[in-house]
Amino acid sequence: MTQKCDDINKFWHKFQKEVVDSGVSEAMAIWHIKWAKKFAVSLRGKPLRSCSAGDVNRLALERQRKSKSESKLLGRQISDNVNI
């Protein structure tokens, strides 16, 4: 179990580095990591590498329904995340 946790932590660390290296600020990179982790949890066992834009859109719609006040900001941030 510890090895699996280490592997997961390494993955997210590497992902954050890639996001920052792509020109995203450190603060926004942290937001991207939080969003990506929520996205990964929402997949319920589906591997990230097999995800599609439809999976991203589904989560975005679910989040928008939960919080209409965040929907415009969320849409912009998701768009930025997809373009990384």
PDB file of N, CA and C in Angstrom:
ATOM      1  N   MET A   1       0.820  -1.195   0.000  1.00  0.00           N
ATOM      2  CA  MET A   1       0.000   0.000   0.000  1.00  0.00           C
ATOM      3  C   MET A   1       0.866   1.262   0.000  1.00  0.00           C
ATOM      4  N   THR A   2       1.953   1.237   0.777  1.00  0.00           N
ATOM      5  CA  THR A   2       2.837   2.401   0.850  1.00  0.00           C
ATOM      6  C   THR A   2       3.442   2.711  -0.512  1.00  0.00           C
ATOM      7  N   GLN A   3       3.836   1.677  -1.252  1.00  0.00           N
ATOM      8  CA  GLN A   3       4.404   1.888  -2.590  1.00  0.00           C
ATOM      9  C   GLN A   3       3.371   2.534  -3.503  1.00  0.00           C
ATOM     10  N   LYS A   4       2.129   2.089  -3.418  1.00  0.00           N
ATOM     11  CA  LYS A   4       1.071   2.669  -4.248  1.00  0.00           C
ATOM     12  C   LYS A   4       0.873   4.143  -3.907  1.00  0.00           C
ATOM     13  N   CYS A   5       0.874   4.484  -2.626  1.00  0.00           N
ATOM     14  CA  CYS A   5       0.737   5.888  -2.199  1.00  0.00           C
ATOM     15  C   CYS A   5       1.910   6.714  -2.705  1.00  0.00           C
ATOM     16  N   ASP A   6       3.114   6.158  -2.605  1.00  0.00           N
ATOM     17  CA  ASP A   6       4.299   6.860  -3.101  1.00  0.00           C
ATOM     18  C   ASP A   6       4.191   7.105  -4.604  1.00  0.00           C
ATOM     19  N   ASP A   7       3.733   6.096  -5.338  1.00  0.00           N
ATOM     20  CA  ASP A   7       3.576   6.233  -6.786  1.00  0.00           C
ATOM     21  C   ASP A   7       2.549   7.310  -7.127  1.00  0.00           C
ATOM     22  N   ILE A   8       1.454   7.336  -6.393  1.00  0.00           N
ATOM     23  CA  ILE A   8       0.418   8.344  -6.630  1.00  0.00           C
ATOM     24  C   ILE A   8       0.962   9.738  -6.330  1.00  0.00           C
ATOM     25  N   ASN A   9       1.651   9.883  -5.218  1.00  0.00           N
ATOM     26  CA  ASN A   9       2.232  11.181  -4.868  1.00  0.00           C
ATOM     27  C   ASN A   9       3.255  11.638  -5.905  1.00  0.00           C
ATOM     28  N   LYS A  10       4.054  10.714  -6.404  1.00  0.00           N
ATOM     29  CA  LYS A  10       5.030  11.054  -7.448  1.00  0.00           C
ATOM     30  C   LYS A  10       4.307  11.511  -8.717  1.00  0.00           C
ATOM     31  N   PHE A  11       3.211  10.830  -9.052  1.00  0.00           N
ATOM     32  CA  PHE A  11       2.440  11.209 -10.233  1.00  0.00           C
ATOM     33  C   PHE A  11       1.958  12.652 -10.117  1.00  0.00           C
ATOM     34  N   TRP A  12       1.338  12.998  -8.964  1.00  0.00           N
ATOM     35  CA  TRP A  12       0.791  14.351  -8.804  1.00  0.00           C
ATOM     36  C   TRP A  12       1.903  15.394  -8.752  1.00  0.00           C
ATOM     37  N   HIS A  13       3.035  15.053  -8.166  1.00  0.00           N
ATOM     38  CA  HIS A  13       4.170  15.978  -8.133  1.00  0.00           C
ATOM     39  C   HIS A  13       4.661  16.238  -9.562  1.00  0.00           C
ATOM     40  N   LYS A  14       4.780  15.171 -10.330  1.00  0.00           N
ATOM     41  CA  LYS A  14       5.220  15.298 -11.721  1.00  0.00           C
ATOM     42  C   LYS A  14       4.199  16.098 -12.541  1.00  0.00           C
ATOM     43  N   PHE A  15       2.919  15.851 -12.299  1.00  0.00           N
ATOM     44  CA  PHE A  15       1.870  16.585 -13.003  1.00  0.00           C
ATOM     45  C   PHE A  15       1.975  18.081 -12.684  1.00  0.00           C
ATOM     46  N   GLN A  16       2.169  18.404 -11.408  1.00  0.00           N
ATOM     47  CA  GLN A  16       2.284  19.809 -11.012  1.00  0.00           C
ATOM     48  C   GLN A  16       3.481  20.468 -11.702  1.00  0.00           C
ATOM     49  N   LYS A  17       4.590  19.750 -11.760  1.00  0.00           N
ATOM     50  CA  LYS A  17       5.774  20.289 -12.427  1.00  0.00           C
ATOM     51  C   LYS A  17       5.481  20.558 -13.902  1.00  0.00           C
ATOM     52  N   GLU A  18       4.796  19.649 -14.560  1.00  0.00           N
ATOM     53  CA  GLU A  18       4.446  19.828 -15.968  1.00  0.00           C
ATOM     54  C   GLU A  18       3.542  21.049 -16.158  1.00  0.00           C
ATOM     55  N   VAL A  19       2.596  21.222 -15.249  1.00  0.00           N
ATOM     56  CA  VAL A  19       1.681  22.368 -15.336  1.00  0.00           C
ATOM     57  C   VAL A  19       2.465  23.668 -15.192  1.00  0.00           C
ATOM     58  N   VAL A  20       3.335  23.747 -14.187  1.00  0.00           N
ATOM     59  CA  VAL A  20       4.146  24.955 -13.975  1.00  0.00           C
ATOM     60  C   VAL A  20       5.091  25.174 -15.157  1.00  0.00           C
ATOM     61  N   ASP A  21       5.697  24.103 -15.647  1.00  0.00           N
ATOM     62  CA  ASP A  21       6.611  24.219 -16.788  1.00  0.00           C
ATOM     63  C   ASP A  21       5.900  24.695 -18.052  1.00  0.00           C
ATOM     64  N   SER A  22       4.590  24.475 -18.122  1.00  0.00           N
ATOM     65  CA  SER A  22       3.835  24.920 -19.293  1.00  0.00           C
ATOM     66  C   SER A  22       3.492  26.410 -19.231  1.00  0.00           C
ATOM     67  N   GLY A  23       3.870  27.067 -18.106  1.00  0.00           N
ATOM     68  CA  GLY A  23       3.650  28.504 -18.004  1.00  0.00           C
ATOM     69  C   GLY A  23       2.558  28.923 -17.040  1.00  0.00           C
ATOM     70  N   VAL A  24       1.937  27.980 -16.385  1.00  0.00           N
ATOM     71  CA  VAL A  24       0.889  28.281 -15.418  1.00  0.00           C
ATOM     72  C   VAL A  24       1.539  28.680 -14.101  1.00  0.00           C
ATOM     73  N   SER A  25       0.991  29.687 -13.433  1.00  0.00           N
ATOM     74  CA  SER A  25       1.554  30.124 -12.155  1.00  0.00           C
ATOM     75  C   SER A  25       1.443  28.996 -11.125  1.00  0.00           C
ATOM     76  N   GLU A  26       2.289  29.091 -10.115  1.00  0.00           N
ATOM     77  CA  GLU A  26       2.278  28.087  -9.051  1.00  0.00           C
ATOM     78  C   GLU A  26       0.908  28.011  -8.375  1.00  0.00           C
ATOM     79  N   ALA A  27       0.302  29.188  -8.135  1.00  0.00           N
ATOM     80  CA  ALA A  27      -1.013  29.222  -7.486  1.00  0.00           C
ATOM     81  C   ALA A  27      -2.071  28.524  -8.341  1.00  0.00           C
ATOM     82  N   MET A  28      -2.055  28.788  -9.635  1.00  0.00           N
ATOM     83  CA  MET A  28      -3.025  28.127 -10.516  1.00  0.00           C
ATOM     84  C   MET A  28      -2.697  26.649 -10.654  1.00  0.00           C
ATOM     85  N   ALA A  29      -1.418  26.299 -10.601  1.00  0.00           N
ATOM     86  CA  ALA A  29      -1.035  24.888 -10.690  1.00  0.00           C
ATOM     87  C   ALA A  29      -1.639  24.111  -9.525  1.00  0.00           C
ATOM     88  N   ILE A  30      -1.624  24.725  -8.342  1.00  0.00           N
ATOM     89  CA  ILE A  30      -2.230  24.073  -7.178  1.00  0.00           C
ATOM     90  C   ILE A  30      -3.715  23.854  -7.416  1.00  0.00           C
ATOM     91  N   TRP A  31      -4.396  24.852  -8.000  1.00  0.00           N
ATOM     92  CA  TRP A  31      -5.823  24.692  -8.321  1.00  0.00           C
ATOM     93  C   TRP A  31      -6.002  23.536  -9.309  1.00  0.00           C
ATOM     94  N   HIS A  32      -5.160  23.490 -10.330  1.00  0.00           N
ATOM     95  CA  HIS A  32      -5.255  22.415 -11.334  1.00  0.00           C
ATOM     96  C   HIS A  32      -5.088  21.043 -10.689  1.00  0.00           C
ATOM     97  N   ILE A  33      -4.164  20.927  -9.754  1.00  0.00           N
ATOM     98  CA  ILE A  33      -3.947  19.652  -9.066  1.00  0.00           C
ATOM     99  C   ILE A  33      -5.187  19.259  -8.275  1.00  0.00           C
ATOM    100  N   LYS A  34      -5.753  20.206  -7.538  1.00  0.00           N
ATOM    101  CA  LYS A  34      -6.968  19.904  -6.764  1.00  0.00           C
ATOM    102  C   LYS A  34      -8.092  19.460  -7.688  1.00  0.00           C
ATOM    103  N   TRP A  35      -8.264  20.177  -8.801  1.00  0.00           N
ATOM    104  CA  TRP A  35      -9.330  19.833  -9.741  1.00  0.00           C
ATOM    105  C   TRP A  35      -9.063  18.470 -10.371  1.00  0.00           C
ATOM    106  N   ALA A  36      -7.826  18.214 -10.739  1.00  0.00           N
ATOM    107  CA  ALA A  36      -7.485  16.938 -11.369  1.00  0.00           C
ATOM    108  C   ALA A  36      -7.704  15.770 -10.410  1.00  0.00           C
ATOM    109  N   LYS A  37      -7.398  15.987  -9.127  1.00  0.00           N
ATOM    110  CA  LYS A  37      -7.644  14.928  -8.142  1.00  0.00           C
ATOM    111  C   LYS A  37      -9.138  14.656  -8.008  1.00  0.00           C
ATOM    112  N   LYS A  38      -9.954  15.709  -7.993  1.00  0.00           N
ATOM    113  CA  LYS A  38     -11.410  15.519  -7.942  1.00  0.00           C
ATOM    114  C   LYS A  38     -11.884  14.794  -9.191  1.00  0.00           C
ATOM    115  N   PHE A  39     -11.299  15.147 -10.330  1.00  0.00           N
ATOM    116  CA  PHE A  39     -11.646  14.482 -11.581  1.00  0.00           C
ATOM    117  C   PHE A  39     -11.299  13.001 -11.505  1.00  0.00           C
ATOM    118  N   ALA A  40     -10.109  12.686 -11.015  1.00  0.00           N
ATOM    119  CA  ALA A  40      -9.685  11.291 -10.914  1.00  0.00           C
ATOM    120  C   ALA A  40     -10.627  10.493 -10.016  1.00  0.00           C
ATOM    121  N   VAL A  41     -11.024  11.085  -8.896  1.00  0.00           N
ATOM    122  CA  VAL A  41     -11.959  10.416  -7.979  1.00  0.00           C
ATOM    123  C   VAL A  41     -13.304  10.199  -8.665  1.00  0.00           C
ATOM    124  N   SER A  42     -13.738  11.170  -9.470  1.00  0.00           N
ATOM    125  CA  SER A  42     -15.049  11.064 -10.128  1.00  0.00           C
ATOM    126  C   SER A  42     -15.111   9.923 -11.137  1.00  0.00           C
ATOM    127  N   LEU A  43     -13.974   9.439 -11.570  1.00  0.00           N
ATOM    128  CA  LEU A  43     -13.935   8.380 -12.589  1.00  0.00           C
ATOM    129  C   LEU A  43     -14.280   7.010 -12.040  1.00  0.00           C
ATOM    130  N   ARG A  44     -14.235   6.870 -10.745  1.00  0.00           N
ATOM    131  CA  ARG A  44     -14.610   5.619 -10.076  1.00  0.00           C
ATOM    132  C   ARG A  44     -13.907   4.403 -10.680  1.00  0.00           C
ATOM    133  N   GLY A  45     -12.578   4.466 -10.697  1.00  0.00           N
ATOM    134  CA  GLY A  45     -11.803   3.316 -11.151  1.00  0.00           C
ATOM    135  C   GLY A  45     -11.365   3.334 -12.601  1.00  0.00           C
ATOM    136  N   LYS A  46     -11.881   4.254 -13.398  1.00  0.00           N
ATOM    137  CA  LYS A  46     -11.471   4.341 -14.801  1.00  0.00           C
ATOM    138  C   LYS A  46     -10.076   4.974 -14.860  1.00  0.00           C
ATOM    139  N   PRO A  47      -9.128   4.369 -15.555  1.00  0.00           N
ATOM    140  CA  PRO A  47      -7.775   4.933 -15.638  1.00  0.00           C
ATOM    141  C   PRO A  47      -7.773   6.312 -16.311  1.00  0.00           C
ATOM    142  N   LEU A  48      -6.973   7.226 -15.778  1.00  0.00           N
ATOM    143  CA  LEU A  48      -6.896   8.570 -16.351  1.00  0.00           C
ATOM    144  C   LEU A  48      -6.526   8.549 -17.829  1.00  0.00           C
ATOM    145  N   ARG A  49      -5.634   7.631 -18.208  1.00  0.00           N
ATOM    146  CA  ARG A  49      -5.174   7.600 -19.596  1.00  0.00           C
ATOM    147  C   ARG A  49      -6.276   7.222 -20.583  1.00  0.00           C
ATOM    148  N   SER A  50      -7.378   6.686 -20.087  1.00  0.00           N
ATOM    149  CA  SER A  50      -8.469   6.308 -20.992  1.00  0.00           C
ATOM    150  C   SER A  50      -9.616   7.320 -20.975  1.00  0.00           C
ATOM    151  N   CYS A  51      -9.395   8.475 -20.363  1.00  0.00           N
ATOM    152  CA  CYS A  51     -10.443   9.500 -20.267  1.00  0.00           C
ATOM    153  C   CYS A  51     -10.572  10.297 -21.549  1.00  0.00           C
ATOM    154  N   SER A  52     -11.734  10.887 -21.700  1.00  0.00           N
ATOM    155  CA  SER A  52     -12.011  11.699 -22.876  1.00  0.00           C
ATOM    156  C   SER A  52     -12.464  13.089 -22.447  1.00  0.00           C
ATOM    157  N   ALA A  53     -12.601  13.962 -23.417  1.00  0.00           N
ATOM    158  CA  ALA A  53     -13.136  15.298 -23.144  1.00  0.00           C
ATOM    159  C   ALA A  53     -14.541  15.185 -22.564  1.00  0.00           C
ATOM    160  N   GLY A  54     -15.282  14.168 -22.958  1.00  0.00           N
ATOM    161  CA  GLY A  54     -16.627  13.949 -22.422  1.00  0.00           C
ATOM    162  C   GLY A  54     -16.609  13.711 -20.918  1.00  0.00           C
ATOM    163  N   ASP A  55     -15.594  13.010 -20.437  1.00  0.00           N
ATOM    164  CA  ASP A  55     -15.453  12.784 -18.998  1.00  0.00           C
ATOM    165  C   ASP A  55     -15.216  14.109 -18.272  1.00  0.00           C
ATOM    166  N   VAL A  56     -14.377  14.953 -18.854  1.00  0.00           N
ATOM    167  CA  VAL A  56     -14.100  16.271 -18.267  1.00  0.00           C
ATOM    168  C   VAL A  56     -15.377  17.107 -18.261  1.00  0.00           C
ATOM    169  N   ASN A  57     -16.080  17.108 -19.370  1.00  0.00           N
ATOM    170  CA  ASN A  57     -17.319  17.885 -19.477  1.00  0.00           C
ATOM    171  C   ASN A  57     -18.369  17.405 -18.480  1.00  0.00           C
ATOM    172  N   ARG A  58     -18.453  16.093 -18.275  1.00  0.00           N
ATOM    173  CA  ARG A  58     -19.428  15.554 -17.331  1.00  0.00           C
ATOM    174  C   ARG A  58     -19.165  16.084 -15.924  1.00  0.00           C
ATOM    175  N   LEU A  59     -17.911  16.047 -15.505  1.00  0.00           N
ATOM    176  CA  LEU A  59     -17.578  16.563 -14.180  1.00  0.00           C
ATOM    177  C   LEU A  59     -17.848  18.063 -14.096  1.00  0.00           C
ATOM    178  N   ALA A  60     -17.508  18.783 -15.149  1.00  0.00           N
ATOM    179  CA  ALA A  60     -17.755  20.225 -15.150  1.00  0.00           C
ATOM    180  C   ALA A  60     -19.244  20.525 -14.998  1.00  0.00           C
ATOM    181  N   LEU A  61     -20.089  19.773 -15.693  1.00  0.00           N
ATOM    182  CA  LEU A  61     -21.535  19.982 -15.577  1.00  0.00           C
ATOM    183  C   LEU A  61     -22.040  19.649 -14.185  1.00  0.00           C
ATOM    184  N   GLU A  62     -21.531  18.575 -13.610  1.00  0.00           N
ATOM    185  CA  GLU A  62     -21.926  18.223 -12.241  1.00  0.00           C
ATOM    186  C   GLU A  62     -21.538  19.329 -11.270  1.00  0.00           C
ATOM    187  N   ARG A  63     -20.333  19.843 -11.432  1.00  0.00           N
ATOM    188  CA  ARG A  63     -19.863  20.919 -10.547  1.00  0.00           C
ATOM    189  C   ARG A  63     -20.677  22.194 -10.745  1.00  0.00           C
ATOM    190  N   GLN A  64     -21.027  22.491 -11.982  1.00  0.00           N
ATOM    191  CA  GLN A  64     -21.814  23.695 -12.244  1.00  0.00           C
ATOM    192  C   GLN A  64     -23.187  23.604 -11.605  1.00  0.00           C
ATOM    193  N   ARG A  65     -23.774  22.433 -11.643  1.00  0.00           N
ATOM    194  CA  ARG A  65     -25.080  22.249 -11.001  1.00  0.00           C
ATOM    195  C   ARG A  65     -24.993  22.478  -9.501  1.00  0.00           C
ATOM    196  N   LYS A  66     -23.874  22.080  -8.910  1.00  0.00           N
ATOM    197  CA  LYS A  66     -23.696  22.218  -7.466  1.00  0.00           C
ATOM    198  C   LYS A  66     -23.428  23.661  -7.058  1.00  0.00           C
ATOM    199  N   SER A  67     -22.801  24.404  -7.917  1.00  0.00           N
ATOM    200  CA  SER A  67     -22.422  25.759  -7.525  1.00  0.00           C
ATOM    201  C   SER A  67     -22.491  26.700  -8.714  1.00  0.00           C
ATOM    202  N   LYS A  68     -23.653  27.263  -8.952  1.00  0.00           N
ATOM    203  CA  LYS A  68     -23.827  28.156 -10.096  1.00  0.00           C
ATOM    204  C   LYS A  68     -22.961  29.399  -9.978  1.00  0.00           C
ATOM    205  N   SER A  69     -22.681  29.828  -8.762  1.00  0.00           N
ATOM    206  CA  SER A  69     -21.866  31.030  -8.590  1.00  0.00           C
ATOM    207  C   SER A  69     -20.429  30.824  -9.047  1.00  0.00           C
ATOM    208  N   GLU A  70     -19.960  29.583  -9.058  1.00  0.00           N
ATOM    209  CA  GLU A  70     -18.596  29.287  -9.492  1.00  0.00           C
ATOM    210  C   GLU A  70     -18.521  28.917 -10.968  1.00  0.00           C
ATOM    211  N   SER A  71     -19.627  28.787 -11.642  1.00  0.00           N
ATOM    212  CA  SER A  71     -19.627  28.192 -12.972  1.00  0.00           C
ATOM    213  C   SER A  71     -18.794  28.954 -13.993  1.00  0.00           C
ATOM    214  N   LYS A  72     -18.818  30.282 -13.986  1.00  0.00           N
ATOM    215  CA  LYS A  72     -18.023  31.025 -14.962  1.00  0.00           C
ATOM    216  C   LYS A  72     -16.531  30.842 -14.709  1.00  0.00           C
ATOM    217  N   LEU A  73     -16.128  30.973 -13.458  1.00  0.00           N
ATOM    218  CA  LEU A  73     -14.724  30.785 -13.107  1.00  0.00           C
ATOM    219  C   LEU A  73     -14.295  29.356 -13.414  1.00  0.00           C
ATOM    220  N   LEU A  74     -15.112  28.385 -13.046  1.00  0.00           N
ATOM    221  CA  LEU A  74     -14.803  26.978 -13.289  1.00  0.00           C
ATOM    222  C   LEU A  74     -14.618  26.725 -14.782  1.00  0.00           C
ATOM    223  N   GLY A  75     -15.501  27.281 -15.601  1.00  0.00           N
ATOM    224  CA  GLY A  75     -15.401  27.095 -17.051  1.00  0.00           C
ATOM    225  C   GLY A  75     -14.088  27.611 -17.598  1.00  0.00           C
ATOM    226  N   ARG A  76     -13.665  28.794 -17.147  1.00  0.00           N
ATOM    227  CA  ARG A  76     -12.390  29.356 -17.603  1.00  0.00           C
ATOM    228  C   ARG A  76     -11.227  28.491 -17.153  1.00  0.00           C
ATOM    229  N   GLN A  77     -11.268  28.053 -15.912  1.00  0.00           N
ATOM    230  CA  GLN A  77     -10.166  27.254 -15.374  1.00  0.00           C
ATOM    231  C   GLN A  77     -10.115  25.881 -16.041  1.00  0.00           C
ATOM    232  N   ILE A  78     -11.255  25.292 -16.315  1.00  0.00           N
ATOM    233  CA  ILE A  78     -11.270  23.994 -17.005  1.00  0.00           C
ATOM    234  C   ILE A  78     -10.708  24.157 -18.404  1.00  0.00           C
ATOM    235  N   SER A  79     -11.100  25.224 -19.074  1.00  0.00           N
ATOM    236  CA  SER A  79     -10.582  25.476 -20.414  1.00  0.00           C
ATOM    237  C   SER A  79      -9.066  25.606 -20.383  1.00  0.00           C
ATOM    238  N   ASP A  80      -8.550  26.328 -19.407  1.00  0.00           N
ATOM    239  CA  ASP A  80      -7.095  26.452 -19.252  1.00  0.00           C
ATOM    240  C   ASP A  80      -6.466  25.093 -18.994  1.00  0.00           C
ATOM    241  N   ASN A  81      -7.114  24.281 -18.154  1.00  0.00           N
ATOM    242  CA  ASN A  81      -6.585  22.970 -17.791  1.00  0.00           C
ATOM    243  C   ASN A  81      -6.539  22.048 -19.001  1.00  0.00           C
ATOM    244  N   VAL A  82      -7.567  22.070 -19.831  1.00  0.00           N
ATOM    245  CA  VAL A  82      -7.623  21.196 -21.005  1.00  0.00           C
ATOM    246  C   VAL A  82      -6.544  21.581 -22.006  1.00  0.00           C
ATOM    247  N   ASN A  83      -6.184  22.875 -22.037  1.00  0.00           N
ATOM    248  CA  ASN A  83      -5.180  23.335 -23.007  1.00  0.00           C
ATOM    249  C   ASN A  83      -3.750  23.128 -22.559  1.00  0.00           C
ATOM    250  N   ILE A  84      -3.545  22.620 -21.350  1.00  0.00           N
ATOM    251  CA  ILE A  84      -2.165  22.414 -20.859  1.00  0.00           C
ATOM    252  C   ILE A  84      -1.529  21.238 -21.576  1.00  0.00           C
TER     253      ILE A  84
END
